Amino acid sequence: FANGGFFREPYFIERITDRDGRVVYQHVESASRVLSPQSAYLMTSMLQTVVTAGTGTRLSTAGVQVAGKTGTVNMQGGGNRDAWMEAYTPEISVAVWMGFDHPDDSHRLSSRVSGGTNPATLARNFLKAYYQNRSKPVFQKPEGIVSLEIDQKALKWKGETALASSLTPKSYRVSEVFAASNQPTRISNVWAAPASAKSFYVTHDNDG
């Protein structure tokens, strides 16, 4: 996702030199496209929401743009077996796991420890330290992505993604990104203007 849809084979050895400094091995990087740039960006955008408004909000103070996903595995009888925080910037990724090698009734995480607590805090502290004296990269939006205002009430009431109408209140408008080839076109109809008054009268109180 962070590579804009390109897959790069993981590797451990960058270069090997002999005792005279001659390079005897040099890793040659290759990449193959497995996702469109638009699909990769949309996934990154969703995972950024995990950090800004979801279960991984502790990462929001990392000081750099981050996308992430939390994970928590429960144990029968209470407590958690595993807690994960996976996160990435446009440059690096980090995965934090907490748990026991051999979980049992006496070796389990507290129910209060989830992917969004301790692991997220550790990932945030790592990224904050890593980028302390580095430039802060940003996720680049590819061509073919549009930003539209969506009506939240239409999504909740009708289960459909509809564009905000002129009647949609500001508090129910939310900006979302879409692939230009798959953007919503239906305009929300869940709001209605008040009916015009058919009759009215005026009273006057002389004592007022």
N, C-alpha and C. Protein backbone atom coordinates (compact mmCIF):
# COMPACT_ATOMS: atom_id res chain seq x y z
N PHE A 1 0.83 -1.20 0.00
CA PHE A 1 0.00 0.00 0.00
C PHE A 1 0.86 1.26 0.00
N ALA A 2 1.89 1.28 0.85
CA ALA A 2 2.74 2.47 0.94
C ALA A 2 3.55 2.70 -0.34
N ASN A 3 3.79 1.66 -1.09
CA ASN A 3 4.57 1.77 -2.33
C ASN A 3 3.71 2.10 -3.54
N GLY A 4 2.48 2.52 -3.31
CA GLY A 4 1.63 2.90 -4.43
C GLY A 4 1.18 1.73 -5.29
N GLY A 5 1.14 0.53 -4.70
CA GLY A 5 0.68 -0.64 -5.43
C GLY A 5 1.77 -1.55 -5.95
N PHE A 6 3.05 -1.21 -5.70
CA PHE A 6 4.16 -2.06 -6.12
C PHE A 6 4.59 -2.99 -4.99
N PHE A 7 4.85 -4.25 -5.34
CA PHE A 7 5.36 -5.22 -4.37
C PHE A 7 6.86 -5.36 -4.55
N ARG A 8 7.58 -5.24 -3.44
CA ARG A 8 9.03 -5.44 -3.44
C ARG A 8 9.36 -6.59 -2.50
N GLU A 9 10.09 -7.56 -3.00
CA GLU A 9 10.45 -8.74 -2.21
C GLU A 9 11.29 -8.31 -1.00
N PRO A 10 10.90 -8.72 0.21
CA PRO A 10 11.72 -8.38 1.38
C PRO A 10 13.10 -9.02 1.29
N TYR A 11 14.10 -8.34 1.86
CA TYR A 11 15.46 -8.88 1.85
C TYR A 11 16.20 -8.41 3.09
N PHE A 12 17.26 -9.12 3.44
CA PHE A 12 18.03 -8.80 4.63
C PHE A 12 19.40 -8.21 4.30
N ILE A 13 20.02 -8.66 3.23
CA ILE A 13 21.41 -8.27 2.94
C ILE A 13 21.41 -7.24 1.81
N GLU A 14 21.93 -6.08 2.11
CA GLU A 14 22.03 -5.00 1.12
C GLU A 14 23.29 -5.16 0.27
N ARG A 15 24.41 -5.42 0.92
CA ARG A 15 25.68 -5.50 0.20
C ARG A 15 26.69 -6.31 1.01
N ILE A 16 27.57 -7.03 0.30
CA ILE A 16 28.67 -7.77 0.92
C ILE A 16 29.97 -7.33 0.25
N THR A 17 30.95 -7.00 1.07
CA THR A 17 32.27 -6.63 0.53
C THR A 17 33.33 -7.54 1.13
N ASP A 18 34.42 -7.72 0.39
CA ASP A 18 35.53 -8.52 0.94
C ASP A 18 36.42 -7.62 1.80
N ARG A 19 37.52 -8.18 2.29
CA ARG A 19 38.36 -7.41 3.21
C ARG A 19 39.07 -6.24 2.55
N ASP A 20 39.10 -6.25 1.22
CA ASP A 20 39.71 -5.14 0.49
C ASP A 20 38.68 -4.09 0.07
N GLY A 21 37.43 -4.29 0.47
CA GLY A 21 36.40 -3.32 0.15
C GLY A 21 35.72 -3.55 -1.18
N ARG A 22 36.09 -4.63 -1.88
CA ARG A 22 35.43 -4.90 -3.16
C ARG A 22 34.05 -5.50 -2.93
N VAL A 23 33.10 -5.03 -3.68
CA VAL A 23 31.73 -5.52 -3.55
C VAL A 23 31.60 -6.88 -4.23
N VAL A 24 31.26 -7.88 -3.43
CA VAL A 24 31.08 -9.22 -3.99
C VAL A 24 29.60 -9.57 -4.16
N TYR A 25 28.77 -8.78 -3.52
CA TYR A 25 27.32 -8.97 -3.69
C TYR A 25 26.63 -7.64 -3.47
N GLN A 26 25.68 -7.32 -4.34
CA GLN A 26 24.89 -6.11 -4.20
C GLN A 26 23.43 -6.46 -4.49
N HIS A 27 22.58 -6.18 -3.55
CA HIS A 27 21.16 -6.47 -3.78
C HIS A 27 20.62 -5.59 -4.91
N VAL A 28 19.91 -6.21 -5.81
CA VAL A 28 19.27 -5.50 -6.91
C VAL A 28 17.77 -5.51 -6.65
N GLU A 29 17.23 -4.34 -6.46
CA GLU A 29 15.81 -4.26 -6.12
C GLU A 29 14.95 -4.35 -7.37
N SER A 30 13.87 -5.07 -7.26
CA SER A 30 12.91 -5.17 -8.35
C SER A 30 11.52 -5.02 -7.77
N ALA A 31 10.60 -4.55 -8.58
CA ALA A 31 9.23 -4.32 -8.11
C ALA A 31 8.25 -4.76 -9.18
N SER A 32 7.12 -5.25 -8.73
CA SER A 32 6.05 -5.64 -9.65
C SER A 32 4.74 -5.04 -9.15
N ARG A 33 3.93 -4.56 -10.07
CA ARG A 33 2.67 -3.94 -9.68
C ARG A 33 1.63 -5.02 -9.36
N VAL A 34 1.03 -4.91 -8.19
CA VAL A 34 0.00 -5.85 -7.76
C VAL A 34 -1.33 -5.14 -7.47
N LEU A 35 -1.29 -3.82 -7.33
CA LEU A 35 -2.49 -3.02 -7.12
C LEU A 35 -2.39 -1.76 -7.96
N SER A 36 -3.52 -1.23 -8.34
CA SER A 36 -3.49 0.06 -9.03
C SER A 36 -3.10 1.14 -8.03
N PRO A 37 -2.52 2.23 -8.50
CA PRO A 37 -2.18 3.33 -7.57
C PRO A 37 -3.41 3.84 -6.83
N GLN A 38 -4.55 3.83 -7.50
CA GLN A 38 -5.77 4.32 -6.87
C GLN A 38 -6.23 3.40 -5.73
N SER A 39 -6.19 2.08 -5.97
CA SER A 39 -6.60 1.13 -4.92
C SER A 39 -5.67 1.22 -3.72
N ALA A 40 -4.37 1.34 -3.98
CA ALA A 40 -3.41 1.45 -2.89
C ALA A 40 -3.66 2.71 -2.07
N TYR A 41 -3.94 3.81 -2.74
CA TYR A 41 -4.17 5.08 -2.04
C TYR A 41 -5.46 5.02 -1.23
N LEU A 42 -6.52 4.43 -1.78
CA LEU A 42 -7.78 4.33 -1.06
C LEU A 42 -7.62 3.51 0.22
N MET A 43 -6.85 2.42 0.14
CA MET A 43 -6.61 1.62 1.34
C MET A 43 -5.81 2.42 2.37
N THR A 44 -4.79 3.14 1.90
CA THR A 44 -4.01 3.96 2.81
C THR A 44 -4.90 5.01 3.47
N SER A 45 -5.78 5.62 2.69
CA SER A 45 -6.68 6.63 3.25
C SER A 45 -7.56 6.04 4.34
N MET A 46 -8.09 4.84 4.12
CA MET A 46 -8.91 4.18 5.14
C MET A 46 -8.10 3.88 6.39
N LEU A 47 -6.86 3.42 6.21
CA LEU A 47 -6.03 3.07 7.35
C LEU A 47 -5.53 4.32 8.08
N GLN A 48 -5.48 5.46 7.40
CA GLN A 48 -5.18 6.70 8.09
C GLN A 48 -6.32 7.07 9.04
N THR A 49 -7.55 6.72 8.65
CA THR A 49 -8.70 7.00 9.51
C THR A 49 -8.64 6.17 10.79
N VAL A 50 -8.04 4.98 10.73
CA VAL A 50 -7.84 4.18 11.94
C VAL A 50 -7.03 4.97 12.96
N VAL A 51 -6.06 5.75 12.45
CA VAL A 51 -5.17 6.52 13.31
C VAL A 51 -5.83 7.82 13.78
N THR A 52 -6.58 8.47 12.90
CA THR A 52 -7.16 9.76 13.26
C THR A 52 -8.46 9.64 14.05
N ALA A 53 -9.22 8.57 13.82
CA ALA A 53 -10.54 8.49 14.46
C ALA A 53 -10.95 7.07 14.82
N GLY A 54 -10.04 6.11 14.78
CA GLY A 54 -10.39 4.71 15.05
C GLY A 54 -9.71 4.15 16.26
N THR A 55 -9.35 2.88 16.18
CA THR A 55 -8.76 2.18 17.33
C THR A 55 -7.29 2.49 17.53
N GLY A 56 -6.66 3.15 16.55
CA GLY A 56 -5.22 3.43 16.67
C GLY A 56 -4.89 4.89 16.90
N THR A 57 -5.77 5.61 17.62
CA THR A 57 -5.58 7.06 17.76
C THR A 57 -4.32 7.44 18.53
N ARG A 58 -3.75 6.54 19.29
CA ARG A 58 -2.51 6.88 19.99
C ARG A 58 -1.37 7.18 19.02
N LEU A 59 -1.51 6.68 17.79
CA LEU A 59 -0.49 6.96 16.77
C LEU A 59 -0.63 8.36 16.19
N SER A 60 -1.72 9.03 16.47
CA SER A 60 -1.97 10.33 15.85
C SER A 60 -0.98 11.39 16.30
N THR A 61 -0.26 11.14 17.39
CA THR A 61 0.73 12.11 17.88
C THR A 61 2.16 11.70 17.50
N ALA A 62 2.29 10.87 16.47
CA ALA A 62 3.63 10.44 16.05
C ALA A 62 4.39 11.56 15.36
N GLY A 63 3.68 12.59 14.91
CA GLY A 63 4.36 13.71 14.26
C GLY A 63 4.63 13.51 12.80
N VAL A 64 4.03 12.47 12.19
CA VAL A 64 4.23 12.19 10.78
C VAL A 64 2.97 11.50 10.28
N GLN A 65 2.69 11.58 8.98
CA GLN A 65 1.52 10.90 8.45
C GLN A 65 1.69 9.39 8.60
N VAL A 66 0.67 8.74 9.18
CA VAL A 66 0.74 7.31 9.48
C VAL A 66 -0.58 6.65 9.09
N ALA A 67 -0.48 5.47 8.52
CA ALA A 67 -1.63 4.60 8.31
C ALA A 67 -1.41 3.36 9.17
N GLY A 68 -2.46 2.77 9.68
CA GLY A 68 -2.24 1.63 10.56
C GLY A 68 -3.47 0.78 10.76
N LYS A 69 -3.24 -0.37 11.40
CA LYS A 69 -4.33 -1.30 11.74
C LYS A 69 -4.00 -1.99 13.05
N THR A 70 -4.97 -1.97 13.96
CA THR A 70 -4.79 -2.66 15.23
C THR A 70 -5.33 -4.08 15.11
N GLY A 71 -4.91 -4.92 16.03
CA GLY A 71 -5.40 -6.29 16.07
C GLY A 71 -5.35 -6.82 17.48
N THR A 72 -6.43 -7.48 17.92
CA THR A 72 -6.48 -8.04 19.26
C THR A 72 -7.13 -9.41 19.20
N VAL A 73 -6.48 -10.42 19.80
CA VAL A 73 -7.01 -11.78 19.83
C VAL A 73 -7.41 -12.12 21.26
N ASN A 74 -8.68 -12.40 21.45
CA ASN A 74 -9.20 -12.71 22.79
C ASN A 74 -8.89 -14.15 23.18
N MET A 75 -8.95 -14.40 24.48
CA MET A 75 -8.79 -15.75 25.01
C MET A 75 -10.09 -16.18 25.69
N GLN A 76 -10.39 -17.44 25.59
CA GLN A 76 -11.58 -17.97 26.26
C GLN A 76 -11.41 -17.82 27.76
N GLY A 77 -12.39 -17.27 28.42
CA GLY A 77 -12.30 -17.08 29.86
C GLY A 77 -11.81 -15.70 30.25
N GLY A 78 -11.55 -14.86 29.28
CA GLY A 78 -11.12 -13.50 29.58
C GLY A 78 -9.67 -13.26 29.25
N GLY A 79 -9.33 -12.01 29.07
CA GLY A 79 -7.96 -11.65 28.74
C GLY A 79 -7.70 -11.78 27.24
N ASN A 80 -6.54 -11.33 26.82
CA ASN A 80 -6.16 -11.36 25.41
C ASN A 80 -4.88 -12.16 25.20
N ARG A 81 -4.83 -12.86 24.09
CA ARG A 81 -3.66 -13.67 23.74
C ARG A 81 -2.63 -12.85 22.97
N ASP A 82 -3.09 -12.03 22.01
CA ASP A 82 -2.19 -11.24 21.18
C ASP A 82 -2.73 -9.82 21.04
N ALA A 83 -1.81 -8.88 20.93
CA ALA A 83 -2.18 -7.49 20.65
C ALA A 83 -1.19 -6.96 19.62
N TRP A 84 -1.72 -6.41 18.53
CA TRP A 84 -0.90 -5.97 17.41
C TRP A 84 -1.13 -4.50 17.08
N MET A 85 -0.09 -3.86 16.58
CA MET A 85 -0.22 -2.56 15.93
C MET A 85 0.68 -2.56 14.71
N GLU A 86 0.07 -2.54 13.54
CA GLU A 86 0.81 -2.45 12.28
C GLU A 86 0.66 -1.02 11.76
N ALA A 87 1.76 -0.40 11.38
CA ALA A 87 1.69 0.98 10.92
C ALA A 87 2.74 1.22 9.85
N TYR A 88 2.45 2.20 8.99
CA TYR A 88 3.44 2.58 7.98
C TYR A 88 3.32 4.05 7.61
N THR A 89 4.45 4.60 7.23
CA THR A 89 4.54 5.94 6.67
C THR A 89 4.85 5.75 5.19
N PRO A 90 5.01 6.83 4.40
CA PRO A 90 5.40 6.64 3.01
C PRO A 90 6.79 6.02 2.84
N GLU A 91 7.56 5.91 3.96
CA GLU A 91 8.93 5.42 3.86
C GLU A 91 9.17 4.09 4.56
N ILE A 92 8.62 3.91 5.73
CA ILE A 92 8.93 2.72 6.53
C ILE A 92 7.66 2.13 7.11
N SER A 93 7.75 0.87 7.51
CA SER A 93 6.64 0.22 8.21
C SER A 93 7.16 -0.36 9.52
N VAL A 94 6.26 -0.52 10.47
CA VAL A 94 6.63 -1.07 11.77
C VAL A 94 5.49 -1.95 12.26
N ALA A 95 5.83 -3.06 12.88
CA ALA A 95 4.84 -3.97 13.46
C ALA A 95 5.22 -4.23 14.92
N VAL A 96 4.27 -4.02 15.81
CA VAL A 96 4.50 -4.25 17.24
C VAL A 96 3.53 -5.34 17.70
N TRP A 97 4.08 -6.34 18.38
CA TRP A 97 3.27 -7.43 18.93
C TRP A 97 3.52 -7.55 20.41
N MET A 98 2.48 -7.81 21.17
CA MET A 98 2.61 -8.09 22.60
C MET A 98 1.85 -9.37 22.91
N GLY A 99 2.44 -10.20 23.74
CA GLY A 99 1.80 -11.44 24.13
C GLY A 99 2.80 -12.37 24.77
N PHE A 100 2.41 -13.61 24.97
CA PHE A 100 3.28 -14.64 25.56
C PHE A 100 3.57 -15.70 24.50
N ASP A 101 4.80 -16.25 24.55
CA ASP A 101 5.16 -17.31 23.61
C ASP A 101 4.24 -18.51 23.75
N HIS A 102 3.88 -18.83 24.98
CA HIS A 102 2.99 -19.96 25.24
C HIS A 102 1.86 -19.49 26.16
N PRO A 103 0.84 -18.87 25.60
CA PRO A 103 -0.24 -18.35 26.43
C PRO A 103 -1.06 -19.47 27.09
N ASP A 104 -1.44 -19.24 28.33
CA ASP A 104 -2.33 -20.15 29.04
C ASP A 104 -3.06 -19.34 30.11
N ASP A 105 -3.71 -20.02 31.04
CA ASP A 105 -4.49 -19.32 32.05
C ASP A 105 -3.64 -18.40 32.91
N SER A 106 -2.37 -18.73 33.06
CA SER A 106 -1.47 -17.91 33.89
C SER A 106 -0.64 -16.93 33.07
N HIS A 107 -0.70 -17.04 31.77
CA HIS A 107 0.10 -16.18 30.89
C HIS A 107 -0.81 -15.61 29.80
N ARG A 108 -1.43 -14.52 30.13
CA ARG A 108 -2.32 -13.85 29.19
C ARG A 108 -2.27 -12.36 29.46
N LEU A 109 -2.58 -11.60 28.41
CA LEU A 109 -2.63 -10.15 28.57
C LEU A 109 -3.94 -9.75 29.24
N SER A 110 -3.90 -8.66 29.94
CA SER A 110 -5.11 -8.13 30.53
C SER A 110 -6.09 -7.74 29.43
N SER A 111 -7.37 -7.77 29.74
CA SER A 111 -8.37 -7.35 28.77
C SER A 111 -8.23 -5.88 28.40
N ARG A 112 -7.56 -5.13 29.26
CA ARG A 112 -7.34 -3.71 28.98
C ARG A 112 -6.25 -3.48 27.94
N VAL A 113 -5.43 -4.51 27.69
CA VAL A 113 -4.32 -4.37 26.73
C VAL A 113 -4.81 -4.85 25.36
N SER A 114 -4.95 -3.92 24.43
CA SER A 114 -5.37 -4.25 23.08
C SER A 114 -4.36 -3.67 22.10
N GLY A 115 -4.59 -3.90 20.83
CA GLY A 115 -3.66 -3.38 19.84
C GLY A 115 -3.57 -1.87 19.86
N GLY A 116 -4.66 -1.22 20.27
CA GLY A 116 -4.68 0.24 20.28
C GLY A 116 -4.13 0.87 21.53
N THR A 117 -3.67 0.06 22.50
CA THR A 117 -3.12 0.64 23.73
C THR A 117 -1.59 0.54 23.71
N ASN A 118 -1.05 -0.43 24.41
CA ASN A 118 0.42 -0.54 24.54
C ASN A 118 1.15 -0.67 23.21
N PRO A 119 0.73 -1.57 22.30
CA PRO A 119 1.45 -1.67 21.03
C PRO A 119 1.40 -0.36 20.23
N ALA A 120 0.25 0.30 20.22
CA ALA A 120 0.15 1.57 19.50
C ALA A 120 1.05 2.62 20.11
N THR A 121 1.13 2.63 21.44
CA THR A 121 2.01 3.58 22.11
C THR A 121 3.47 3.34 21.75
N LEU A 122 3.87 2.07 21.71
CA LEU A 122 5.25 1.74 21.36
C LEU A 122 5.56 2.11 19.91
N ALA A 123 4.63 1.83 19.01
CA ALA A 123 4.82 2.20 17.60
C ALA A 123 4.91 3.71 17.45
N ARG A 124 4.07 4.44 18.17
CA ARG A 124 4.12 5.90 18.12
C ARG A 124 5.47 6.42 18.62
N ASN A 125 5.94 5.90 19.74
CA ASN A 125 7.22 6.37 20.29
C ASN A 125 8.37 6.08 19.34
N PHE A 126 8.33 4.92 18.68
CA PHE A 126 9.38 4.59 17.71
C PHE A 126 9.36 5.57 16.55
N LEU A 127 8.18 5.80 15.95
CA LEU A 127 8.09 6.68 14.80
C LEU A 127 8.44 8.12 15.18
N LYS A 128 8.04 8.53 16.36
CA LYS A 128 8.33 9.88 16.82
C LYS A 128 9.84 10.09 16.94
N ALA A 129 10.53 9.08 17.49
CA ALA A 129 11.99 9.17 17.63
C ALA A 129 12.68 9.07 16.27
N TYR A 130 12.18 8.20 15.40
CA TYR A 130 12.81 8.00 14.10
C TYR A 130 12.76 9.27 13.27
N TYR A 131 11.65 10.00 13.33
CA TYR A 131 11.49 11.19 12.49
C TYR A 131 11.83 12.50 13.22
N GLN A 132 12.45 12.37 14.38
CA GLN A 132 12.74 13.57 15.16
C GLN A 132 13.61 14.57 14.38
N ASN A 133 14.62 14.08 13.70
CA ASN A 133 15.52 14.97 12.96
C ASN A 133 15.49 14.67 11.46
N ARG A 134 14.38 14.12 11.00
CA ARG A 134 14.23 13.82 9.59
C ARG A 134 13.05 14.60 9.02
N SER A 135 13.05 14.77 7.71
CA SER A 135 11.90 15.40 7.06
C SER A 135 10.71 14.47 7.14
N LYS A 136 9.52 15.04 7.21
CA LYS A 136 8.29 14.26 7.39
C LYS A 136 7.65 14.01 6.02
N PRO A 137 7.66 12.75 5.55
CA PRO A 137 7.07 12.44 4.24
C PRO A 137 5.54 12.47 4.30
N VAL A 138 4.92 12.66 3.15
CA VAL A 138 3.46 12.65 3.07
C VAL A 138 3.03 11.67 1.98
N PHE A 139 1.87 11.10 2.15
CA PHE A 139 1.33 10.19 1.15
C PHE A 139 0.89 10.99 -0.07
N GLN A 140 1.32 10.57 -1.25
CA GLN A 140 1.03 11.27 -2.48
C GLN A 140 -0.24 10.73 -3.13
N LYS A 141 -1.17 11.64 -3.42
CA LYS A 141 -2.41 11.24 -4.06
C LYS A 141 -2.18 11.05 -5.56
N PRO A 142 -2.47 9.87 -6.11
CA PRO A 142 -2.27 9.65 -7.54
C PRO A 142 -3.39 10.28 -8.37
N GLU A 143 -3.18 10.35 -9.66
CA GLU A 143 -4.25 10.80 -10.54
C GLU A 143 -5.39 9.78 -10.50
N GLY A 144 -6.59 10.25 -10.79
CA GLY A 144 -7.73 9.33 -10.79
C GLY A 144 -8.40 9.20 -9.45
N ILE A 145 -8.08 10.10 -8.49
CA ILE A 145 -8.71 10.11 -7.18
C ILE A 145 -9.47 11.41 -7.03
N VAL A 146 -10.72 11.32 -6.58
CA VAL A 146 -11.53 12.52 -6.37
C VAL A 146 -11.98 12.57 -4.91
N SER A 147 -12.16 13.77 -4.40
CA SER A 147 -12.65 13.97 -3.04
C SER A 147 -14.06 14.54 -3.12
N LEU A 148 -15.01 13.88 -2.44
CA LEU A 148 -16.42 14.28 -2.52
C LEU A 148 -17.03 14.38 -1.12
N GLU A 149 -18.06 15.21 -0.99
CA GLU A 149 -18.78 15.32 0.27
C GLU A 149 -19.92 14.32 0.29
N ILE A 150 -19.93 13.48 1.31
CA ILE A 150 -20.93 12.42 1.45
C ILE A 150 -21.90 12.77 2.57
N ASP A 151 -23.15 12.33 2.42
CA ASP A 151 -24.17 12.53 3.43
C ASP A 151 -24.14 11.35 4.40
N GLN A 152 -23.75 11.60 5.65
CA GLN A 152 -23.65 10.53 6.64
C GLN A 152 -25.01 9.93 6.98
N LYS A 153 -26.04 10.76 6.99
CA LYS A 153 -27.37 10.24 7.35
C LYS A 153 -27.88 9.25 6.30
N ALA A 154 -27.61 9.52 5.02
CA ALA A 154 -28.03 8.59 3.98
C ALA A 154 -27.33 7.25 4.15
N LEU A 155 -26.08 7.29 4.56
CA LEU A 155 -25.33 6.05 4.78
C LEU A 155 -25.92 5.27 5.95
N LYS A 156 -26.30 5.98 7.00
CA LYS A 156 -26.83 5.32 8.20
C LYS A 156 -28.25 4.83 7.99
N TRP A 157 -29.09 5.63 7.38
CA TRP A 157 -30.51 5.27 7.23
C TRP A 157 -30.74 4.30 6.09
N LYS A 158 -30.09 4.52 4.96
CA LYS A 158 -30.37 3.73 3.76
C LYS A 158 -29.25 2.77 3.39
N GLY A 159 -28.12 2.88 4.05
CA GLY A 159 -27.01 2.00 3.74
C GLY A 159 -26.42 2.25 2.36
N GLU A 160 -26.55 3.47 1.86
CA GLU A 160 -26.01 3.78 0.54
C GLU A 160 -25.12 5.02 0.62
N THR A 161 -24.12 5.02 -0.24
CA THR A 161 -23.22 6.17 -0.32
C THR A 161 -23.83 7.18 -1.27
N ALA A 162 -24.23 8.32 -0.74
CA ALA A 162 -24.88 9.36 -1.54
C ALA A 162 -24.18 10.69 -1.31
N LEU A 163 -24.14 11.49 -2.36
CA LEU A 163 -23.54 12.81 -2.27
C LEU A 163 -24.40 13.72 -1.40
N ALA A 164 -23.76 14.59 -0.66
CA ALA A 164 -24.49 15.56 0.13
C ALA A 164 -25.29 16.47 -0.80
N SER A 165 -26.52 16.78 -0.40
CA SER A 165 -27.36 17.67 -1.18
C SER A 165 -27.27 19.08 -0.61
N SER A 166 -27.97 20.00 -1.24
CA SER A 166 -27.98 21.38 -0.74
C SER A 166 -28.67 21.46 0.61
N LEU A 167 -29.46 20.43 0.97
CA LEU A 167 -30.18 20.42 2.24
C LEU A 167 -29.43 19.70 3.35
N THR A 168 -28.35 19.01 3.02
CA THR A 168 -27.59 18.27 4.03
C THR A 168 -26.92 19.23 5.00
N PRO A 169 -27.22 19.14 6.29
CA PRO A 169 -26.58 20.03 7.27
C PRO A 169 -25.06 19.82 7.30
N LYS A 170 -24.36 20.86 7.67
CA LYS A 170 -22.90 20.80 7.69
C LYS A 170 -22.39 19.68 8.59
N SER A 171 -23.08 19.45 9.71
CA SER A 171 -22.62 18.43 10.66
C SER A 171 -22.76 17.02 10.12
N TYR A 172 -23.52 16.84 9.02
CA TYR A 172 -23.70 15.52 8.43
C TYR A 172 -22.93 15.36 7.12
N ARG A 173 -22.08 16.32 6.81
CA ARG A 173 -21.26 16.25 5.61
C ARG A 173 -19.87 15.73 5.98
N VAL A 174 -19.38 14.77 5.23
CA VAL A 174 -18.05 14.24 5.47
C VAL A 174 -17.34 14.08 4.13
N SER A 175 -16.09 14.44 4.10
CA SER A 175 -15.31 14.35 2.86
C SER A 175 -14.66 12.97 2.76
N GLU A 176 -14.83 12.30 1.63
CA GLU A 176 -14.23 10.99 1.39
C GLU A 176 -13.58 10.98 0.01
N VAL A 177 -12.61 10.09 -0.16
CA VAL A 177 -11.95 9.97 -1.46
C VAL A 177 -12.45 8.73 -2.18
N PHE A 178 -12.51 8.81 -3.50
CA PHE A 178 -12.99 7.72 -4.34
C PHE A 178 -12.14 7.65 -5.60
N ALA A 179 -12.10 6.47 -6.19
CA ALA A 179 -11.53 6.35 -7.52
C ALA A 179 -12.49 7.04 -8.48
N ALA A 180 -11.95 7.85 -9.38
CA ALA A 180 -12.79 8.59 -10.31
C ALA A 180 -13.66 7.65 -11.14
N SER A 181 -13.17 6.43 -11.37
CA SER A 181 -13.92 5.46 -12.16
C SER A 181 -15.02 4.78 -11.37
N ASN A 182 -15.08 5.02 -10.06
CA ASN A 182 -16.07 4.35 -9.22
C ASN A 182 -16.60 5.30 -8.15
N GLN A 183 -16.95 6.49 -8.56
CA GLN A 183 -17.42 7.50 -7.62
C GLN A 183 -18.95 7.51 -7.56
N PRO A 184 -19.52 7.84 -6.42
CA PRO A 184 -20.99 7.89 -6.32
C PRO A 184 -21.55 9.07 -7.10
N THR A 185 -22.73 8.89 -7.64
CA THR A 185 -23.39 9.96 -8.40
C THR A 185 -24.76 10.29 -7.83
N ARG A 186 -25.34 9.38 -7.03
CA ARG A 186 -26.67 9.63 -6.46
C ARG A 186 -26.59 10.72 -5.40
N ILE A 187 -27.53 11.64 -5.42
CA ILE A 187 -27.59 12.72 -4.44
C ILE A 187 -28.55 12.34 -3.33
N SER A 188 -28.16 12.58 -2.11
CA SER A 188 -28.97 12.21 -0.95
C SER A 188 -30.36 12.85 -1.01
N ASN A 189 -31.36 12.06 -0.62
CA ASN A 189 -32.73 12.58 -0.55
C ASN A 189 -33.36 12.37 0.82
N VAL A 190 -32.53 12.21 1.84
CA VAL A 190 -33.05 11.95 3.18
C VAL A 190 -33.46 13.22 3.92
N TRP A 191 -33.12 14.37 3.35
CA TRP A 191 -33.49 15.63 3.98
C TRP A 191 -34.56 16.31 3.14
N ALA A 192 -35.48 17.01 3.79
CA ALA A 192 -36.55 17.73 3.09
C ALA A 192 -36.69 19.13 3.68
N ALA A 193 -36.92 20.08 2.82
CA ALA A 193 -37.13 21.46 3.29
C ALA A 193 -38.49 21.55 3.98
N PRO A 194 -38.62 22.39 4.99
CA PRO A 194 -39.92 22.55 5.66
C PRO A 194 -40.99 23.00 4.66
N ALA A 195 -42.18 22.51 4.85
CA ALA A 195 -43.28 22.88 3.97
C ALA A 195 -43.62 24.36 4.14
N SER A 196 -44.03 24.98 3.06
CA SER A 196 -44.41 26.39 3.12
C SER A 196 -45.67 26.57 3.96
N ALA A 197 -45.72 27.64 4.72
CA ALA A 197 -46.90 27.93 5.54
C ALA A 197 -48.08 28.28 4.63
N LYS A 198 -49.22 27.65 4.89
CA LYS A 198 -50.41 27.91 4.08
C LYS A 198 -51.25 29.06 4.64
N SER A 199 -51.14 29.28 5.93
CA SER A 199 -51.86 30.39 6.53
C SER A 199 -51.16 30.79 7.82
N PHE A 200 -51.38 32.02 8.24
CA PHE A 200 -50.80 32.47 9.49
C PHE A 200 -51.59 33.68 9.97
N TYR A 201 -51.42 34.01 11.23
CA TYR A 201 -52.09 35.19 11.77
C TYR A 201 -51.16 35.89 12.74
N VAL A 202 -51.42 37.13 12.99
CA VAL A 202 -50.59 37.96 13.86
C VAL A 202 -51.46 38.49 15.01
N THR A 203 -50.95 38.38 16.20
CA THR A 203 -51.64 38.94 17.37
C THR A 203 -50.82 40.07 17.95
N HIS A 204 -51.45 40.88 18.70
CA HIS A 204 -50.75 42.00 19.31
C HIS A 204 -51.23 42.18 20.73
N ASP A 205 -50.29 42.37 21.63
CA ASP A 205 -50.62 42.54 23.03
C ASP A 205 -50.31 43.99 23.42
N ASN A 206 -51.36 44.78 23.67
CA ASN A 206 -51.15 46.17 24.00
C ASN A 206 -50.43 46.37 25.32
N ASP A 207 -50.54 45.37 26.19
CA ASP A 207 -49.91 45.49 27.51
C ASP A 207 -48.42 45.15 27.46
N GLY A 208 -47.96 44.61 26.32
CA GLY A 208 -46.56 44.25 26.19
C GLY A 208 -45.74 45.46 26.07
